[in-house]
C-alpha atoms as a PDB file:
ATOM      1  CA  MET A   1     -22.956 190.059  13.326  1.00  0.00           C
ATOM      2  CA  GLU A   2     -21.119 191.704  10.432  1.00  0.00           C
ATOM      3  CA  GLU A   3     -24.229 191.466   8.298  1.00  0.00           C
ATOM      4  CA  ARG A   4     -26.280 193.332  10.908  1.00  0.00           C
ATOM      5  CA  LEU A   5     -23.709 196.103  11.015  1.00  0.00           C
ATOM      6  CA  ARG A   6     -23.819 196.313   7.233  1.00  0.00           C
ATOM      7  CA  PHE A   7     -27.593 196.525   7.454  1.00  0.00           C
ATOM      8  CA  TYR A   8     -27.317 199.562   9.692  1.00  0.00           C
ATOM      9  CA  ASP A   9     -24.653 201.163   7.473  1.00  0.00           C
ATOM     10  CA  THR A  10     -25.945 200.379   3.978  1.00  0.00           C
ATOM     11  CA  GLY A  11     -29.422 199.007   4.468  1.00  0.00           C
ATOM     12  CA  GLU A  12     -28.474 195.634   3.011  1.00  0.00           C
ATOM     13  CA  ALA A  13     -30.713 192.901   4.471  1.00  0.00           C
ATOM     14  CA  PRO A  14     -28.894 190.187   6.451  1.00  0.00           C
ATOM     15  CA  LYS A  15     -29.284 186.506   5.613  1.00  0.00           C
ATOM     16  CA  LYS A  16     -32.027 184.609   7.366  1.00  0.00           C
ATOM     17  CA  ASN A  17     -31.097 182.077  10.041  1.00  0.00           C
ATOM     18  CA  VAL A  18     -32.626 179.209   8.056  1.00  0.00           C
ATOM     19  CA  ASP A  19     -30.411 179.986   5.059  1.00  0.00           C
ATOM     20  CA  VAL A  20     -27.310 180.219   7.230  1.00  0.00           C
ATOM     21  CA  MET A  21     -28.111 176.879   8.912  1.00  0.00           C
ATOM     22  CA  ARG A  22     -28.655 175.162   5.546  1.00  0.00           C
ATOM     23  CA  ALA A  23     -25.348 176.482   4.282  1.00  0.00           C
ATOM     24  CA  GLY A  24     -23.641 175.211   7.448  1.00  0.00           C
ATOM     25  CA  ILE A  25     -25.185 171.761   7.061  1.00  0.00           C
ATOM     26  CA  GLU A  26     -24.105 171.560   3.415  1.00  0.00           C
ATOM     27  CA  GLU A  27     -20.618 172.607   4.411  1.00  0.00           C
ATOM     28  CA  MET A  28     -20.481 169.887   7.087  1.00  0.00           C
ATOM     29  CA  LYS A  29     -21.680 167.266   4.593  1.00  0.00           C
ATOM     30  CA  ALA A  30     -18.999 168.334   2.147  1.00  0.00           C
ATOM     31  CA  GLU A  31     -16.353 168.029   4.862  1.00  0.00           C
ATOM     32  CA  GLU A  32     -17.593 164.579   5.858  1.00  0.00           C
ATOM     33  CA  ALA A  33     -17.522 163.474   2.229  1.00  0.00           C
ATOM     34  CA  GLY A  34     -13.973 164.799   1.942  1.00  0.00           C
ATOM     35  CA  VAL A  35     -12.919 162.926   5.068  1.00  0.00           C
ATOM     36  CA  ALA A  36     -14.596 159.753   3.827  1.00  0.00           C
ATOM     37  CA  LYS A  37     -12.834 160.065   0.481  1.00  0.00           C
ATOM     38  CA  LYS A  38      -9.537 160.654   2.257  1.00  0.00           C
ATOM     39  CA  GLU A  39     -10.038 157.579   4.452  1.00  0.00           C
ATOM     40  CA  LYS A  40     -11.016 155.521   1.429  1.00  0.00           C
ATOM     41  CA  LYS A  41      -7.933 156.737  -0.413  1.00  0.00           C
ATOM     42  CA  GLU A  42      -5.727 155.868   2.562  1.00  0.00           C
ATOM     43  CA  LYS A  43      -7.214 152.375   2.714  1.00  0.00           C
ATOM     44  CA  GLY A  44      -6.571 151.973  -0.999  1.00  0.00           C
ATOM     45  CA  GLU A  45      -2.981 153.070  -0.513  1.00  0.00           C
ATOM     46  CA  GLU A  46      -2.558 150.600   2.344  1.00  0.00           C
ATOM     47  CA  LYS A  47      -3.880 147.787   0.169  1.00  0.00           C
ATOM     48  CA  GLU A  48      -1.550 148.820  -2.614  1.00  0.00           C
ATOM     49  CA  GLU A  49       1.422 148.856  -0.241  1.00  0.00           C
ATOM     50  CA  LYS A  50       0.531 145.395   1.034  1.00  0.00           C
ATOM     51  CA  LYS A  51       0.243 144.160  -2.543  1.00  0.00           C
ATOM     52  CA  GLU A  52       3.651 145.600  -3.419  1.00  0.00           C
ATOM     53  CA  LYS A  53       5.219 144.005  -0.339  1.00  0.00           C
ATOM     54  CA  LYS A  54       3.680 140.670  -1.252  1.00  0.00           C
ATOM     55  CA  GLU A  55       4.998 140.922  -4.812  1.00  0.00           C
ATOM     56  CA  LYS A  56       8.490 141.775  -3.553  1.00  0.00           C
ATOM     57  CA  LYS A  57       8.361 138.845  -1.171  1.00  0.00           C
ATOM     58  CA  GLU A  58       7.352 136.513  -4.004  1.00  0.00           C
ATOM     59  CA  GLU A  59      10.152 137.853  -6.201  1.00  0.00           C
ATOM     60  CA  LYS A  60      12.668 137.231  -3.429  1.00  0.00           C
ATOM     61  CA  LYS A  61      11.332 133.713  -2.992  1.00  0.00           C
ATOM     62  CA  GLU A  62      11.615 133.038  -6.730  1.00  0.00           C
ATOM     63  CA  LYS A  63      15.183 134.354  -6.809  1.00  0.00           C
ATOM     64  CA  LYS A  64      16.084 132.175  -3.848  1.00  0.00           C
ATOM     65  CA  GLU A  65      14.582 129.105  -5.528  1.00  0.00           C
ATOM     66  CA  LYS A  66      16.471 129.836  -8.752  1.00  0.00           C
ATOM     67  CA  LYS A  67      19.685 130.221  -6.798  1.00  0.00           C
ATOM     68  CA  GLU A  68      19.098 126.924  -5.010  1.00  0.00           C
ATOM     69  CA  LYS A  69      18.339 125.153  -8.300  1.00  0.00           C
ATOM     70  CA  LYS A  70      21.495 126.589  -9.825  1.00  0.00           C
ATOM     71  CA  ALA A  71      23.527 125.395  -6.845  1.00  0.00           C
ATOM     72  CA  GLU A  72      21.988 121.919  -7.165  1.00  0.00           C
ATOM     73  CA  LYS A  73      22.823 121.796 -10.869  1.00  0.00           C
ATOM     74  CA  GLU A  74      26.395 122.825 -10.183  1.00  0.00           C
ATOM     75  CA  GLU A  75      26.651 120.218  -7.446  1.00  0.00           C
ATOM     76  CA  LYS A  76      25.307 117.526  -9.779  1.00  0.00           C
ATOM     77  CA  GLY A  77      27.725 118.656 -12.472  1.00  0.00           C
ATOM     78  CA  GLU A  78      30.630 118.437 -10.048  1.00  0.00           C
ATOM     79  CA  LYS A  79      29.573 114.929  -9.029  1.00  0.00           C
ATOM     80  CA  LYS A  80      29.366 113.878 -12.671  1.00  0.00           C
ATOM     81  CA  GLU A  81      32.832 115.304 -13.350  1.00  0.00           C
ATOM     82  CA  LYS A  82      34.209 113.508 -10.312  1.00  0.00           C
ATOM     83  CA  ARG A  83      32.642 110.231 -11.431  1.00  0.00           C
ATOM     84  CA  LYS A  84      34.026 110.760 -14.911  1.00  0.00           C
ATOM     85  CA  ARG A  85      37.500 111.422 -13.528  1.00  0.00           C
ATOM     86  CA  ASP A  86      37.223 108.383 -11.308  1.00  0.00           C
ATOM     87  CA  ASP A  87      36.113 106.292 -14.292  1.00  0.00           C
ATOM     88  CA  ASP A  88      38.990 107.642 -16.394  1.00  0.00           C
ATOM     89  CA  GLU A  89      41.477 106.895 -13.623  1.00  0.00           C
ATOM     90  CA  GLY A  90      40.018 103.416 -13.246  1.00  0.00           C
ATOM     91  CA  GLU A  91      40.432 102.776 -16.961  1.00  0.00           C
ATOM     92  CA  LYS A  92      44.035 104.017 -16.854  1.00  0.00           C
ATOM     93  CA  LYS A  93      44.809 101.689 -13.946  1.00  0.00           C
ATOM     94  CA  GLU A  94      43.257  98.774 -15.817  1.00  0.00           C
ATOM     95  CA  LYS A  95      45.332  99.579 -18.889  1.00  0.00           C
ATOM     96  CA  LYS A  96      48.485  99.737 -16.762  1.00  0.00           C
ATOM     97  CA  LYS A  97      47.602  96.396 -15.174  1.00  0.00           C
ATOM     98  CA  LYS A  98      47.029  94.866 -18.607  1.00  0.00           C
ATOM     99  CA  LYS A  99      50.365  96.233 -19.809  1.00  0.00           C
ATOM    100  CA  LYS A 100      52.101  94.811 -16.722  1.00  0.00           C
ATOM    101  CA  ASP A 101      50.358  91.487 -17.130  1.00  0.00           C
ATOM    102  CA  ALA A 102      51.172  91.356 -20.810  1.00  0.00           C
END
């Protein structure tokens, strides 16, 4: 409409309908491409977030396993120390018995 008014004021020829329609179609295609890119980007971000969550979960699992192994080692060490103390006490008792017997 504005172009027709300009035509009457200045004599400038308005755009043809075919040209306007082509421009509109190109504009729509560009918008669709932008939306598609945006959707693709969002999907990529979702995948990346899932990957990060998975990595964090694996790290937690590894830490838990390390902690459990450490606890097992400490438990084994405590058992060894207890056995050693028991053995030492047993030897002391035997020595006392030998001294009494002698």
